[in-house]
Each structure stands twice: as C-alpha cells, then as structure tokens.
C-alpha cells in the first residue's frame, strides 16, 4: 500500500518541520534503501512537491524533516510504501507535524483504525 500525506500550512513560512507518522501494529514500512523496486518514484500519480532534508524508515514509524522556505507553496505531499504483515484490527495513531523551533506551530490528524485481513 502507499501512504500519502498531504500537509497544508496556514501560510508558507520559513520553518524546520518534523513529520512523524506512527504505524498501526499490523503494518511495516518497505524501506526504499533496502528494496529499490518499492520506491514511490515509480508511481507517477504521486506529486513530490518538496524533498525532505532527512527521512527515517523505522520499525514503528516514518519520520521526515523538511527545511521550508517562504517562497515554497503552503502545502506539500509525502508518500511512502507499507505492507500488511499481521491480520487483525489495529489503532492507527495520529500523524504529527511540528516546527522544531516554534512549538506553537504544529498540526496533527485524527486517529483511526485499520483492519488487515488475510487473503483467501
């Protein structure tokens, strides 16, 4: 599956943003550093507006840091690949985005749930 996150700021400002997307327990990230064929670069429908300055593909979360400039659009898209590994119903934690040096500038999504079913 492809996770697509669309981040929208109230106004485009210079910032160092940190995005943290914690994964539900039944999913794992396909690390593009290990599996080149699973990168989102091969999916032309995903717009890569802003390249992250740093990314981490951890076991339980995706982390990306962005150096934002005021002349960039106030919105951008981030995407990465995941795969289902364990059937079940899991809590999907909220995604958090924050300015690392201005804590009053932050945002988060709602939490939800995801169900992984075994194919028959």
PDB file of N, CA and C in Angstrom:
ATOM      1  N   UNK A   1       0.841  -1.169   0.000  1.00  0.00           N
ATOM      2  CA  UNK A   1       0.000   0.000   0.000  1.00  0.00           C
ATOM      3  C   UNK A   1       0.888   1.236   0.000  1.00  0.00           C
ATOM      4  N   UNK A   2       0.331   2.317  -0.472  1.00  0.00           N
ATOM      5  CA  UNK A   2       1.046   3.582  -0.476  1.00  0.00           C
ATOM      6  C   UNK A   2       0.372   4.516   0.520  1.00  0.00           C
ATOM      7  N   UNK A   3       1.144   5.059   1.441  1.00  0.00           N
ATOM      8  CA  UNK A   3       0.656   6.062   2.383  1.00  0.00           C
ATOM      9  C   UNK A   3       0.967   7.421   1.776  1.00  0.00           C
ATOM     10  N   UNK A   4      -0.056   8.251   1.600  1.00  0.00           N
ATOM     11  CA  UNK A   4       0.116   9.590   1.046  1.00  0.00           C
ATOM     12  C   UNK A   4      -0.348  10.587   2.099  1.00  0.00           C
ATOM     13  N   UNK A   5       0.540  11.477   2.495  1.00  0.00           N
ATOM     14  CA  UNK A   5       0.238  12.511   3.481  1.00  0.00           C
ATOM     15  C   UNK A   5       0.299  13.867   2.797  1.00  0.00           C
ATOM     16  N   UNK A   6      -0.771  14.637   2.911  1.00  0.00           N
ATOM     17  CA  UNK A   6      -0.815  15.982   2.330  1.00  0.00           C
ATOM     18  C   UNK A   6      -0.789  16.975   3.483  1.00  0.00           C
ATOM     19  N   UNK A   7       0.265  17.752   3.555  1.00  0.00           N
ATOM     20  CA  UNK A   7       0.463  18.719   4.637  1.00  0.00           C
ATOM     21  C   UNK A   7       0.125  20.103   4.108  1.00  0.00           C
ATOM     22  N   UNK A   8      -0.727  20.818   4.838  1.00  0.00           N
ATOM     23  CA  UNK A   8      -1.127  22.168   4.455  1.00  0.00           C
ATOM     24  C   UNK A   8      -0.855  23.102   5.617  1.00  0.00           C
ATOM     25  N   UNK A   9      -0.058  24.127   5.372  1.00  0.00           N
ATOM     26  CA  UNK A   9       0.221  25.142   6.384  1.00  0.00           C
ATOM     27  C   UNK A   9      -0.752  26.302   6.207  1.00  0.00           C
ATOM     28  N   UNK A  10      -1.011  27.028   7.277  1.00  0.00           N
ATOM     29  CA  UNK A  10      -1.876  28.205   7.186  1.00  0.00           C
ATOM     30  C   UNK A  10      -1.249  29.249   6.263  1.00  0.00           C
ATOM     31  N   UNK A  11       0.056  29.399   6.344  1.00  0.00           N
ATOM     32  CA  UNK A  11       0.792  30.290   5.456  1.00  0.00           C
ATOM     33  C   UNK A  11       2.192  29.728   5.270  1.00  0.00           C
ATOM     34  N   UNK A  12       2.763  29.969   4.107  1.00  0.00           N
ATOM     35  CA  UNK A  12       4.118  29.495   3.833  1.00  0.00           C
ATOM     36  C   UNK A  12       5.105  30.373   4.593  1.00  0.00           C
ATOM     37  N   UNK A  13       5.834  29.758   5.505  1.00  0.00           N
ATOM     38  CA  UNK A  13       6.835  30.482   6.282  1.00  0.00           C
ATOM     39  C   UNK A  13       8.095  29.637   6.351  1.00  0.00           C
ATOM     40  N   UNK A  14       9.180  30.300   6.633  1.00  0.00           N
ATOM     41  CA  UNK A  14      10.418  29.565   6.831  1.00  0.00           C
ATOM     42  C   UNK A  14      10.273  28.723   8.090  1.00  0.00           C
ATOM     43  N   UNK A  15      10.663  27.455   7.988  1.00  0.00           N
ATOM     44  CA  UNK A  15      10.483  26.554   9.118  1.00  0.00           C
ATOM     45  C   UNK A  15      11.336  25.317   8.940  1.00  0.00           C
ATOM     46  N   UNK A  16      11.596  24.667  10.028  1.00  0.00           N
ATOM     47  CA  UNK A  16      12.170  23.318  10.039  1.00  0.00           C
ATOM     48  C   UNK A  16      11.091  22.427  10.590  1.00  0.00           C
ATOM     49  N   UNK A  17      10.451  21.685   9.703  1.00  0.00           N
ATOM     50  CA  UNK A  17       9.314  20.862  10.093  1.00  0.00           C
ATOM     51  C   UNK A  17       9.742  19.422  10.324  1.00  0.00           C
ATOM     52  N   UNK A  18       9.130  18.814  11.320  1.00  0.00           N
ATOM     53  CA  UNK A  18       9.337  17.396  11.614  1.00  0.00           C
ATOM     54  C   UNK A  18       7.994  16.703  11.499  1.00  0.00           C
ATOM     55  N   UNK A  19       7.924  15.695  10.641  1.00  0.00           N
ATOM     56  CA  UNK A  19       6.715  14.910  10.445  1.00  0.00           C
ATOM     57  C   UNK A  19       6.951  13.525  11.036  1.00  0.00           C
ATOM     58  N   UNK A  20       6.033  13.063  11.862  1.00  0.00           N
ATOM     59  CA  UNK A  20       6.128  11.735  12.460  1.00  0.00           C
ATOM     60  C   UNK A  20       4.811  11.012  12.217  1.00  0.00           C
ATOM     61  N   UNK A  21       4.863   9.895  11.497  1.00  0.00           N
ATOM     62  CA  UNK A  21       3.687   9.061  11.235  1.00  0.00           C
ATOM     63  C   UNK A  21       3.921   7.696  11.867  1.00  0.00           C
ATOM     64  N   UNK A  22       3.254   7.463  12.986  1.00  0.00           N
ATOM     65  CA  UNK A  22       3.362   6.172  13.679  1.00  0.00           C
ATOM     66  C   UNK A  22       2.463   5.158  12.983  1.00  0.00           C
ATOM     67  N   UNK A  23       2.975   3.959  12.803  1.00  0.00           N
ATOM     68  CA  UNK A  23       2.238   2.933  12.067  1.00  0.00           C
ATOM     69  C   UNK A  23       1.369   2.086  12.986  1.00  0.00           C
ATOM     70  N   UNK A  24       0.238   1.617  12.460  1.00  0.00           N
ATOM     71  CA  UNK A  24      -0.524   0.612  13.204  1.00  0.00           C
ATOM     72  C   UNK A  24       0.308  -0.668  13.312  1.00  0.00           C
ATOM     73  N   UNK A  25       0.019  -1.493  14.295  1.00  0.00           N
ATOM     74  CA  UNK A  25       0.829  -2.681  14.565  1.00  0.00           C
ATOM     75  C   UNK A  25       0.885  -3.673  13.412  1.00  0.00           C
ATOM     76  N   UNK A  26      -0.129  -3.794  12.580  1.00  0.00           N
ATOM     77  CA  UNK A  26      -0.147  -4.793  11.515  1.00  0.00           C
ATOM     78  C   UNK A  26       0.565  -4.404  10.243  1.00  0.00           C
ATOM     79  N   UNK A  27       1.221  -3.228  10.225  1.00  0.00           N
ATOM     80  CA  UNK A  27       1.901  -2.742   9.025  1.00  0.00           C
ATOM     81  C   UNK A  27       3.387  -2.556   9.264  1.00  0.00           C
ATOM     82  N   UNK A  28       4.165  -2.687   8.197  1.00  0.00           N
ATOM     83  CA  UNK A  28       5.603  -2.395   8.218  1.00  0.00           C
ATOM     84  C   UNK A  28       5.940  -1.534   7.022  1.00  0.00           C
ATOM     85  N   UNK A  29       6.942  -0.680   7.183  1.00  0.00           N
ATOM     86  CA  UNK A  29       7.405   0.161   6.085  1.00  0.00           C
ATOM     87  C   UNK A  29       8.337  -0.640   5.192  1.00  0.00           C
ATOM     88  N   UNK A  30       8.149  -0.495   3.875  1.00  0.00           N
ATOM     89  CA  UNK A  30       9.111  -1.023   2.911  1.00  0.00           C
ATOM     90  C   UNK A  30      10.184   0.032   2.747  1.00  0.00           C
ATOM     91  N   UNK A  31      11.340  -0.211   3.297  1.00  0.00           N
ATOM     92  CA  UNK A  31      12.437   0.755   3.268  1.00  0.00           C
ATOM     93  C   UNK A  31      13.014   0.834   1.858  1.00  0.00           C
ATOM     94  N   UNK A  32      12.904   1.987   1.193  1.00  0.00           N
ATOM     95  CA  UNK A  32      13.422   2.091  -0.173  1.00  0.00           C
ATOM     96  C   UNK A  32      14.943   1.984  -0.245  1.00  0.00           C
ATOM     97  N   UNK A  33      15.629   2.162   0.864  1.00  0.00           N
ATOM     98  CA  UNK A  33      17.082   1.987   0.870  1.00  0.00           C
ATOM     99  C   UNK A  33      17.458   0.514   0.755  1.00  0.00           C
ATOM    100  N   UNK A  34      16.519  -0.368   1.106  1.00  0.00           N
ATOM    101  CA  UNK A  34      16.785  -1.799   1.026  1.00  0.00           C
ATOM    102  C   UNK A  34      16.151  -2.439  -0.204  1.00  0.00           C
ATOM    103  N   UNK A  35      14.990  -1.940  -0.622  1.00  0.00           N
ATOM    104  CA  UNK A  35      14.254  -2.513  -1.737  1.00  0.00           C
ATOM    105  C   UNK A  35      13.965  -1.409  -2.740  1.00  0.00           C
ATOM    106  N   UNK A  36      14.811  -1.260  -3.732  1.00  0.00           N
ATOM    107  CA  UNK A  36      14.693  -0.160  -4.687  1.00  0.00           C
ATOM    108  C   UNK A  36      13.418  -0.232  -5.513  1.00  0.00           C
ATOM    109  N   UNK A  37      12.898  -1.430  -5.762  1.00  0.00           N
ATOM    110  CA  UNK A  37      11.721  -1.541  -6.615  1.00  0.00           C
ATOM    111  C   UNK A  37      10.454  -1.032  -5.940  1.00  0.00           C
ATOM    112  N   UNK A  38      10.457  -0.845  -4.633  1.00  0.00           N
ATOM    113  CA  UNK A  38       9.272  -0.399  -3.911  1.00  0.00           C
ATOM    114  C   UNK A  38       9.253   1.096  -3.636  1.00  0.00           C
ATOM    115  N   UNK A  39      10.084   1.867  -4.291  1.00  0.00           N
ATOM    116  CA  UNK A  39      10.092   3.305  -4.036  1.00  0.00           C
ATOM    117  C   UNK A  39       8.899   3.961  -4.703  1.00  0.00           C
ATOM    118  N   UNK A  40       8.460   5.078  -4.147  1.00  0.00           N
ATOM    119  CA  UNK A  40       7.327   5.803  -4.727  1.00  0.00           C
ATOM    120  C   UNK A  40       7.723   6.586  -5.974  1.00  0.00           C
ATOM    121  N   UNK A  41       9.011   6.644  -6.288  1.00  0.00           N
ATOM    122  CA  UNK A  41       9.448   7.339  -7.501  1.00  0.00           C
ATOM    123  C   UNK A  41       8.862   6.688  -8.755  1.00  0.00           C
ATOM    124  N   UNK A  42       8.542   5.413  -8.661  1.00  0.00           N
ATOM    125  CA  UNK A  42       7.954   4.696  -9.789  1.00  0.00           C
ATOM    126  C   UNK A  42       6.455   4.883  -9.913  1.00  0.00           C
ATOM    127  N   UNK A  43       5.854   5.710  -9.064  1.00  0.00           N
ATOM    128  CA  UNK A  43       4.411   5.956  -9.100  1.00  0.00           C
ATOM    129  C   UNK A  43       4.170   7.394  -9.573  1.00  0.00           C
ATOM    130  N   UNK A  44       3.919   7.594 -10.866  1.00  0.00           N
ATOM    131  CA  UNK A  44       3.842   8.951 -11.418  1.00  0.00           C
ATOM    132  C   UNK A  44       2.667   9.779 -10.891  1.00  0.00           C
ATOM    133  N   UNK A  45       1.648   9.177 -10.317  1.00  0.00           N
ATOM    134  CA  UNK A  45       0.488   9.925  -9.821  1.00  0.00           C
ATOM    135  C   UNK A  45       0.771  10.627  -8.498  1.00  0.00           C
ATOM    136  N   UNK A  46       1.900  10.318  -7.867  1.00  0.00           N
ATOM    137  CA  UNK A  46       2.256  10.981  -6.617  1.00  0.00           C
ATOM    138  C   UNK A  46       3.124  12.193  -6.928  1.00  0.00           C
ATOM    139  N   UNK A  47       2.664  13.364  -6.524  1.00  0.00           N
ATOM    140  CA  UNK A  47       3.440  14.582  -6.723  1.00  0.00           C
ATOM    141  C   UNK A  47       4.425  14.740  -5.582  1.00  0.00           C
ATOM    142  N   UNK A  48       5.679  14.924  -5.922  1.00  0.00           N
ATOM    143  CA  UNK A  48       6.721  15.149  -4.921  1.00  0.00           C
ATOM    144  C   UNK A  48       7.064  16.627  -4.946  1.00  0.00           C
ATOM    145  N   UNK A  49       6.270  17.413  -4.214  1.00  0.00           N
ATOM    146  CA  UNK A  49       6.417  18.864  -4.222  1.00  0.00           C
ATOM    147  C   UNK A  49       7.702  19.325  -3.555  1.00  0.00           C
ATOM    148  N   UNK A  50       7.997  18.766  -2.400  1.00  0.00           N
ATOM    149  CA  UNK A  50       9.145  19.189  -1.596  1.00  0.00           C
ATOM    150  C   UNK A  50       9.900  17.938  -1.169  1.00  0.00           C
ATOM    151  N   UNK A  51      11.195  17.942  -1.380  1.00  0.00           N
ATOM    152  CA  UNK A  51      12.016  16.812  -0.950  1.00  0.00           C
ATOM    153  C   UNK A  51      12.398  16.986   0.518  1.00  0.00           C
ATOM    154  N   UNK A  52      12.289  15.935   1.316  1.00  0.00           N
ATOM    155  CA  UNK A  52      12.707  16.045   2.717  1.00  0.00           C
ATOM    156  C   UNK A  52      14.216  16.187   2.840  1.00  0.00           C
ATOM    157  N   UNK A  53      14.645  16.903   3.864  1.00  0.00           N
ATOM    158  CA  UNK A  53      16.073  17.037   4.153  1.00  0.00           C
ATOM    159  C   UNK A  53      16.604  15.762   4.804  1.00  0.00           C
ATOM    160  N   UNK A  54      15.707  15.030   5.461  1.00  0.00           N
ATOM    161  CA  UNK A  54      16.101  13.807   6.161  1.00  0.00           C
ATOM    162  C   UNK A  54      14.884  12.898   6.281  1.00  0.00           C
ATOM    163  N   UNK A  55      15.061  11.593   6.091  1.00  0.00           N
ATOM    164  CA  UNK A  55      13.992  10.618   6.312  1.00  0.00           C
ATOM    165  C   UNK A  55      14.520   9.447   7.114  1.00  0.00           C
ATOM    166  N   UNK A  56      13.639   8.864   7.903  1.00  0.00           N
ATOM    167  CA  UNK A  56      13.948   7.650   8.656  1.00  0.00           C
ATOM    168  C   UNK A  56      12.788   6.679   8.492  1.00  0.00           C
ATOM    169  N   UNK A  57      13.118   5.461   8.139  1.00  0.00           N
ATOM    170  CA  UNK A  57      12.131   4.404   7.984  1.00  0.00           C
ATOM    171  C   UNK A  57      12.315   3.449   9.156  1.00  0.00           C
ATOM    172  N   UNK A  58      11.668   3.731  10.249  1.00  0.00           N
ATOM    173  CA  UNK A  58      11.826   2.926  11.460  1.00  0.00           C
ATOM    174  C   UNK A  58      10.810   1.792  11.465  1.00  0.00           C
ATOM    175  N   UNK A  59      10.962   0.874  12.428  1.00  0.00           N
ATOM    176  CA  UNK A  59      10.039  -0.256  12.527  1.00  0.00           C
ATOM    177  C   UNK A  59       8.609   0.185  12.795  1.00  0.00           C
ATOM    178  N   UNK A  60       8.444   1.212  13.603  1.00  0.00           N
ATOM    179  CA  UNK A  60       7.109   1.598  14.042  1.00  0.00           C
ATOM    180  C   UNK A  60       6.655   2.962  13.554  1.00  0.00           C
ATOM    181  N   UNK A  61       7.466   3.645  12.732  1.00  0.00           N
ATOM    182  CA  UNK A  61       7.085   4.985  12.300  1.00  0.00           C
ATOM    183  C   UNK A  61       7.909   5.447  11.107  1.00  0.00           C
ATOM    184  N   UNK A  62       7.340   6.421  10.411  1.00  0.00           N
ATOM    185  CA  UNK A  62       8.042   7.132   9.341  1.00  0.00           C
ATOM    186  C   UNK A  62       8.307   8.536   9.857  1.00  0.00           C
ATOM    187  N   UNK A  63       9.557   8.990   9.719  1.00  0.00           N
ATOM    188  CA  UNK A  63       9.948  10.314  10.199  1.00  0.00           C
ATOM    189  C   UNK A  63      10.601  11.061   9.037  1.00  0.00           C
ATOM    190  N   UNK A  64      10.202  12.320   8.850  1.00  0.00           N
ATOM    191  CA  UNK A  64      10.807  13.146   7.803  1.00  0.00           C
ATOM    192  C   UNK A  64      10.978  14.566   8.327  1.00  0.00           C
ATOM    193  N   UNK A  65      12.106  15.178   7.985  1.00  0.00           N
ATOM    194  CA  UNK A  65      12.371  16.579   8.348  1.00  0.00           C
ATOM    195  C   UNK A  65      12.441  17.390   7.059  1.00  0.00           C
ATOM    196  N   UNK A  66      11.892  18.607   7.118  1.00  0.00           N
ATOM    197  CA  UNK A  66      11.838  19.482   5.953  1.00  0.00           C
ATOM    198  C   UNK A  66      12.382  20.850   6.312  1.00  0.00           C
ATOM    199  N   UNK A  67      13.188  21.410   5.430  1.00  0.00           N
ATOM    200  CA  UNK A  67      13.633  22.795   5.540  1.00  0.00           C
ATOM    201  C   UNK A  67      12.736  23.612   4.622  1.00  0.00           C
ATOM    202  N   UNK A  68      11.786  24.315   5.203  1.00  0.00           N
ATOM    203  CA  UNK A  68      10.798  25.051   4.423  1.00  0.00           C
ATOM    204  C   UNK A  68      11.237  26.492   4.212  1.00  0.00           C
ATOM    205  N   UNK A  69      11.013  26.990   3.023  1.00  0.00           N
ATOM    206  CA  UNK A  69      11.328  28.378   2.649  1.00  0.00           C
ATOM    207  C   UNK A  69      10.016  29.130   2.416  1.00  0.00           C
ATOM    208  N   UNK A  70       9.994  30.438   2.653  1.00  0.00           N
ATOM    209  CA  UNK A  70       8.752  31.197   2.473  1.00  0.00           C
ATOM    210  C   UNK A  70       8.263  31.253   1.028  1.00  0.00           C
ATOM    211  N   UNK A  71       9.146  31.042   0.059  1.00  0.00           N
ATOM    212  CA  UNK A  71       8.719  31.103  -1.334  1.00  0.00           C
ATOM    213  C   UNK A  71       8.126  29.788  -1.833  1.00  0.00           C
ATOM    214  N   UNK A  72       8.135  28.734  -1.003  1.00  0.00           N
ATOM    215  CA  UNK A  72       7.538  27.460  -1.382  1.00  0.00           C
ATOM    216  C   UNK A  72       6.026  27.510  -1.146  1.00  0.00           C
ATOM    217  N   UNK A  73       5.260  26.644  -1.822  1.00  0.00           N
ATOM    218  CA  UNK A  73       3.819  26.601  -1.568  1.00  0.00           C
ATOM    219  C   UNK A  73       3.535  26.236  -0.106  1.00  0.00           C
ATOM    220  N   UNK A  74       2.351  26.608   0.368  1.00  0.00           N
ATOM    221  CA  UNK A  74       1.961  26.329   1.752  1.00  0.00           C
ATOM    222  C   UNK A  74       1.486  24.893   1.925  1.00  0.00           C
ATOM    223  N   UNK A  75       1.614  24.074   0.916  1.00  0.00           N
ATOM    224  CA  UNK A  75       1.204  22.675   1.006  1.00  0.00           C
ATOM    225  C   UNK A  75       2.229  21.804   0.291  1.00  0.00           C
ATOM    226  N   UNK A  76       2.343  20.560   0.754  1.00  0.00           N
ATOM    227  CA  UNK A  76       3.216  19.602   0.089  1.00  0.00           C
ATOM    228  C   UNK A  76       2.755  18.197   0.406  1.00  0.00           C
ATOM    229  N   UNK A  77       3.257  17.236  -0.359  1.00  0.00           N
ATOM    230  CA  UNK A  77       2.846  15.840  -0.246  1.00  0.00           C
ATOM    231  C   UNK A  77       4.047  14.964   0.045  1.00  0.00           C
ATOM    232  N   UNK A  78       3.843  13.986   0.911  1.00  0.00           N
ATOM    233  CA  UNK A  78       4.867  12.999   1.253  1.00  0.00           C
ATOM    234  C   UNK A  78       4.233  11.624   1.082  1.00  0.00           C
ATOM    235  N   UNK A  79       4.987  10.665   0.546  1.00  0.00           N
ATOM    236  CA  UNK A  79       4.450   9.321   0.362  1.00  0.00           C
ATOM    237  C   UNK A  79       5.521   8.286   0.656  1.00  0.00           C
ATOM    238  N   UNK A  80       5.072   7.137   1.127  1.00  0.00           N
ATOM    239  CA  UNK A  80       5.969   6.005   1.346  1.00  0.00           C
ATOM    240  C   UNK A  80       5.157   4.716   1.266  1.00  0.00           C
ATOM    241  N   UNK A  81       5.851   3.609   1.118  1.00  0.00           N
ATOM    242  CA  UNK A  81       5.212   2.307   0.935  1.00  0.00           C
ATOM    243  C   UNK A  81       5.176   1.533   2.247  1.00  0.00           C
ATOM    244  N   UNK A  82       4.048   0.820   2.461  1.00  0.00           N
ATOM    245  CA  UNK A  82       3.916  -0.084   3.603  1.00  0.00           C
ATOM    246  C   UNK A  82       3.367  -1.409   3.101  1.00  0.00           C
ATOM    247  N   UNK A  83       3.501  -2.414   3.941  1.00  0.00           N
ATOM    248  CA  UNK A  83       2.897  -3.705   3.614  1.00  0.00           C
ATOM    249  C   UNK A  83       2.250  -4.274   4.866  1.00  0.00           C
ATOM    250  N   UNK A  84       1.179  -5.008   4.658  1.00  0.00           N
ATOM    251  CA  UNK A  84       0.476  -5.656   5.758  1.00  0.00           C
ATOM    252  C   UNK A  84       1.232  -6.926   6.133  1.00  0.00           C
ATOM    253  N   UNK A  85       1.456  -7.140   7.434  1.00  0.00           N
ATOM    254  CA  UNK A  85       2.221  -8.298   7.877  1.00  0.00           C
ATOM    255  C   UNK A  85       1.464  -9.189   8.860  1.00  0.00           C
ATOM    256  N   UNK A  86       0.445  -8.662   9.536  1.00  0.00           N
ATOM    257  CA  UNK A  86      -0.291  -9.445  10.533  1.00  0.00           C
ATOM    258  C   UNK A  86      -1.767  -9.107  10.465  1.00  0.00           C
ATOM    259  N   UNK A  87      -2.632 -10.128  10.283  1.00  0.00           N
ATOM    260  CA  UNK A  87      -4.064  -9.850  10.273  1.00  0.00           C
ATOM    261  C   UNK A  87      -4.541  -9.372  11.649  1.00  0.00           C
ATOM    262  N   UNK A  88      -5.559  -8.514  11.636  1.00  0.00           N
ATOM    263  CA  UNK A  88      -6.137  -8.022  12.880  1.00  0.00           C
ATOM    264  C   UNK A  88      -6.670  -6.615  12.703  1.00  0.00           C
ATOM    265  N   UNK A  89      -7.255  -6.088  13.768  1.00  0.00           N
ATOM    266  CA  UNK A  89      -7.749  -4.712  13.794  1.00  0.00           C
ATOM    267  C   UNK A  89      -6.847  -3.918  14.722  1.00  0.00           C
ATOM    268  N   UNK A  90      -6.343  -2.790  14.233  1.00  0.00           N
ATOM    269  CA  UNK A  90      -5.336  -2.027  14.960  1.00  0.00           C
ATOM    270  C   UNK A  90      -5.708  -0.547  15.025  1.00  0.00           C
ATOM    271  N   UNK A  91      -5.256   0.123  16.069  1.00  0.00           N
ATOM    272  CA  UNK A  91      -5.413   1.568  16.195  1.00  0.00           C
ATOM    273  C   UNK A  91      -4.387   2.236  15.284  1.00  0.00           C
ATOM    274  N   UNK A  92      -4.846   3.224  14.532  1.00  0.00           N
ATOM    275  CA  UNK A  92      -3.944   3.992  13.674  1.00  0.00           C
ATOM    276  C   UNK A  92      -3.699   5.342  14.350  1.00  0.00           C
ATOM    277  N   UNK A  93      -2.508   5.549  14.919  1.00  0.00           N
ATOM    278  CA  UNK A  93      -2.219   6.805  15.622  1.00  0.00           C
ATOM    279  C   UNK A  93      -2.251   8.014  14.694  1.00  0.00           C
ATOM    280  N   UNK A  94      -2.388   9.179  15.284  1.00  0.00           N
ATOM    281  CA  UNK A  94      -2.408  10.427  14.529  1.00  0.00           C
ATOM    282  C   UNK A  94      -1.022  10.751  13.975  1.00  0.00           C
ATOM    283  N   UNK A  95      -0.998  11.386  12.814  1.00  0.00           N
ATOM    284  CA  UNK A  95       0.243  11.927  12.242  1.00  0.00           C
ATOM    285  C   UNK A  95       0.476  13.286  12.895  1.00  0.00           C
ATOM    286  N   UNK A  96       1.733  13.577  13.242  1.00  0.00           N
ATOM    287  CA  UNK A  96       2.069  14.862  13.849  1.00  0.00           C
ATOM    288  C   UNK A  96       3.087  15.592  12.987  1.00  0.00           C
ATOM    289  N   UNK A  97       2.871  16.901  12.824  1.00  0.00           N
ATOM    290  CA  UNK A  97       3.821  17.771  12.138  1.00  0.00           C
ATOM    291  C   UNK A  97       4.055  18.955  13.055  1.00  0.00           C
ATOM    292  N   UNK A  98       5.328  19.277  13.269  1.00  0.00           N
ATOM    293  CA  UNK A  98       5.631  20.422  14.136  1.00  0.00           C
ATOM    294  C   UNK A  98       6.850  21.162  13.634  1.00  0.00           C
ATOM    295  N   UNK A  99       6.865  22.449  13.912  1.00  0.00           N
ATOM    296  CA  UNK A  99       8.036  23.273  13.637  1.00  0.00           C
ATOM    297  C   UNK A  99       8.995  23.041  14.799  1.00  0.00           C
ATOM    298  N   UNK A 100      10.191  22.587  14.493  1.00  0.00           N
ATOM    299  CA  UNK A 100      11.126  22.200  15.553  1.00  0.00           C
ATOM    300  C   UNK A 100      11.584  23.369  16.411  1.00  0.00           C
ATOM    301  N   UNK A 101      11.465  24.605  15.923  1.00  0.00           N
ATOM    302  CA  UNK A 101      11.941  25.761  16.682  1.00  0.00           C
ATOM    303  C   UNK A 101      10.829  26.719  17.082  1.00  0.00           C
ATOM    304  N   UNK A 102       9.612  26.458  16.645  1.00  0.00           N
ATOM    305  CA  UNK A 102       8.440  27.261  17.026  1.00  0.00           C
ATOM    306  C   UNK A 102       7.334  26.304  17.441  1.00  0.00           C
ATOM    307  N   UNK A 103       7.324  25.866  18.691  1.00  0.00           N
ATOM    308  CA  UNK A 103       6.379  24.822  19.117  1.00  0.00           C
ATOM    309  C   UNK A 103       4.911  25.209  18.998  1.00  0.00           C
ATOM    310  N   UNK A 104       4.618  26.486  18.869  1.00  0.00           N
ATOM    311  CA  UNK A 104       3.222  26.898  18.711  1.00  0.00           C
ATOM    312  C   UNK A 104       2.684  26.579  17.312  1.00  0.00           C
ATOM    313  N   UNK A 105       3.582  26.243  16.390  1.00  0.00           N
ATOM    314  CA  UNK A 105       3.190  25.860  15.028  1.00  0.00           C
ATOM    315  C   UNK A 105       3.241  24.338  14.907  1.00  0.00           C
ATOM    316  N   UNK A 106       2.089  23.718  14.959  1.00  0.00           N
ATOM    317  CA  UNK A 106       2.020  22.263  14.856  1.00  0.00           C
ATOM    318  C   UNK A 106       0.667  21.855  14.292  1.00  0.00           C
ATOM    319  N   UNK A 107       0.571  20.620  13.908  1.00  0.00           N
ATOM    320  CA  UNK A 107      -0.698  20.080  13.440  1.00  0.00           C
ATOM    321  C   UNK A 107      -0.695  18.579  13.596  1.00  0.00           C
ATOM    322  N   UNK A 108      -1.882  18.003  13.621  1.00  0.00           N
ATOM    323  CA  UNK A 108      -1.997  16.545  13.691  1.00  0.00           C
ATOM    324  C   UNK A 108      -3.318  16.114  13.091  1.00  0.00           C
ATOM    325  N   UNK A 109      -3.346  14.883  12.637  1.00  0.00           N
ATOM    326  CA  UNK A 109      -4.566  14.311  12.091  1.00  0.00           C
ATOM    327  C   UNK A 109      -5.356  13.666  13.220  1.00  0.00           C
ATOM    328  N   UNK A 110      -6.519  13.182  12.892  1.00  0.00           N
ATOM    329  CA  UNK A 110      -7.285  12.377  13.841  1.00  0.00           C
ATOM    330  C   UNK A 110      -6.683  10.966  13.858  1.00  0.00           C
ATOM    331  N   UNK A 111      -6.952  10.232  14.911  1.00  0.00           N
ATOM    332  CA  UNK A 111      -6.549   8.829  14.923  1.00  0.00           C
ATOM    333  C   UNK A 111      -7.681   8.013  14.324  1.00  0.00           C
ATOM    334  N   UNK A 112      -7.409   6.780  14.000  1.00  0.00           N
ATOM    335  CA  UNK A 112      -8.429   5.924  13.398  1.00  0.00           C
ATOM    336  C   UNK A 112      -8.118   4.469  13.665  1.00  0.00           C
ATOM    337  N   UNK A 113      -8.622   3.618  12.815  1.00  0.00           N
ATOM    338  CA  UNK A 113      -8.325   2.193  12.940  1.00  0.00           C
ATOM    339  C   UNK A 113      -8.134   1.620  11.544  1.00  0.00           C
ATOM    340  N   UNK A 114      -7.452   0.505  11.496  1.00  0.00           N
ATOM    341  CA  UNK A 114      -7.204  -0.182  10.232  1.00  0.00           C
ATOM    342  C   UNK A 114      -7.379  -1.677  10.489  1.00  0.00           C
ATOM    343  N   UNK A 115      -7.978  -2.352   9.524  1.00  0.00           N
ATOM    344  CA  UNK A 115      -8.162  -3.789   9.639  1.00  0.00           C
ATOM    345  C   UNK A 115      -7.358  -4.484   8.537  1.00  0.00           C
ATOM    346  N   UNK A 116      -6.534  -5.414   8.931  1.00  0.00           N
ATOM    347  CA  UNK A 116      -5.749  -6.201   7.985  1.00  0.00           C
ATOM    348  C   UNK A 116      -6.384  -7.586   7.937  1.00  0.00           C
ATOM    349  N   UNK A 117      -6.828  -7.995   6.759  1.00  0.00           N
ATOM    350  CA  UNK A 117      -7.445  -9.306   6.620  1.00  0.00           C
ATOM    351  C   UNK A 117      -6.567 -10.193   5.744  1.00  0.00           C
ATOM    352  N   UNK A 118      -6.608 -11.463   6.008  1.00  0.00           N
ATOM    353  CA  UNK A 118      -5.812 -12.417   5.248  1.00  0.00           C
ATOM    354  C   UNK A 118      -6.543 -12.765   3.965  1.00  0.00           C
ATOM    355  N   UNK A 119      -5.855 -12.703   2.833  1.00  0.00           N
ATOM    356  CA  UNK A 119      -6.446 -13.035   1.546  1.00  0.00           C
ATOM    357  C   UNK A 119      -6.727 -14.536   1.493  1.00  0.00           C
ATOM    358  N   UNK A 120      -7.820 -14.878   0.838  1.00  0.00           N
ATOM    359  CA  UNK A 120      -8.183 -16.299   0.734  1.00  0.00           C
ATOM    360  C   UNK A 120      -7.901 -16.831  -0.629  1.00  0.00           C
TER     361      UNK A 120
END
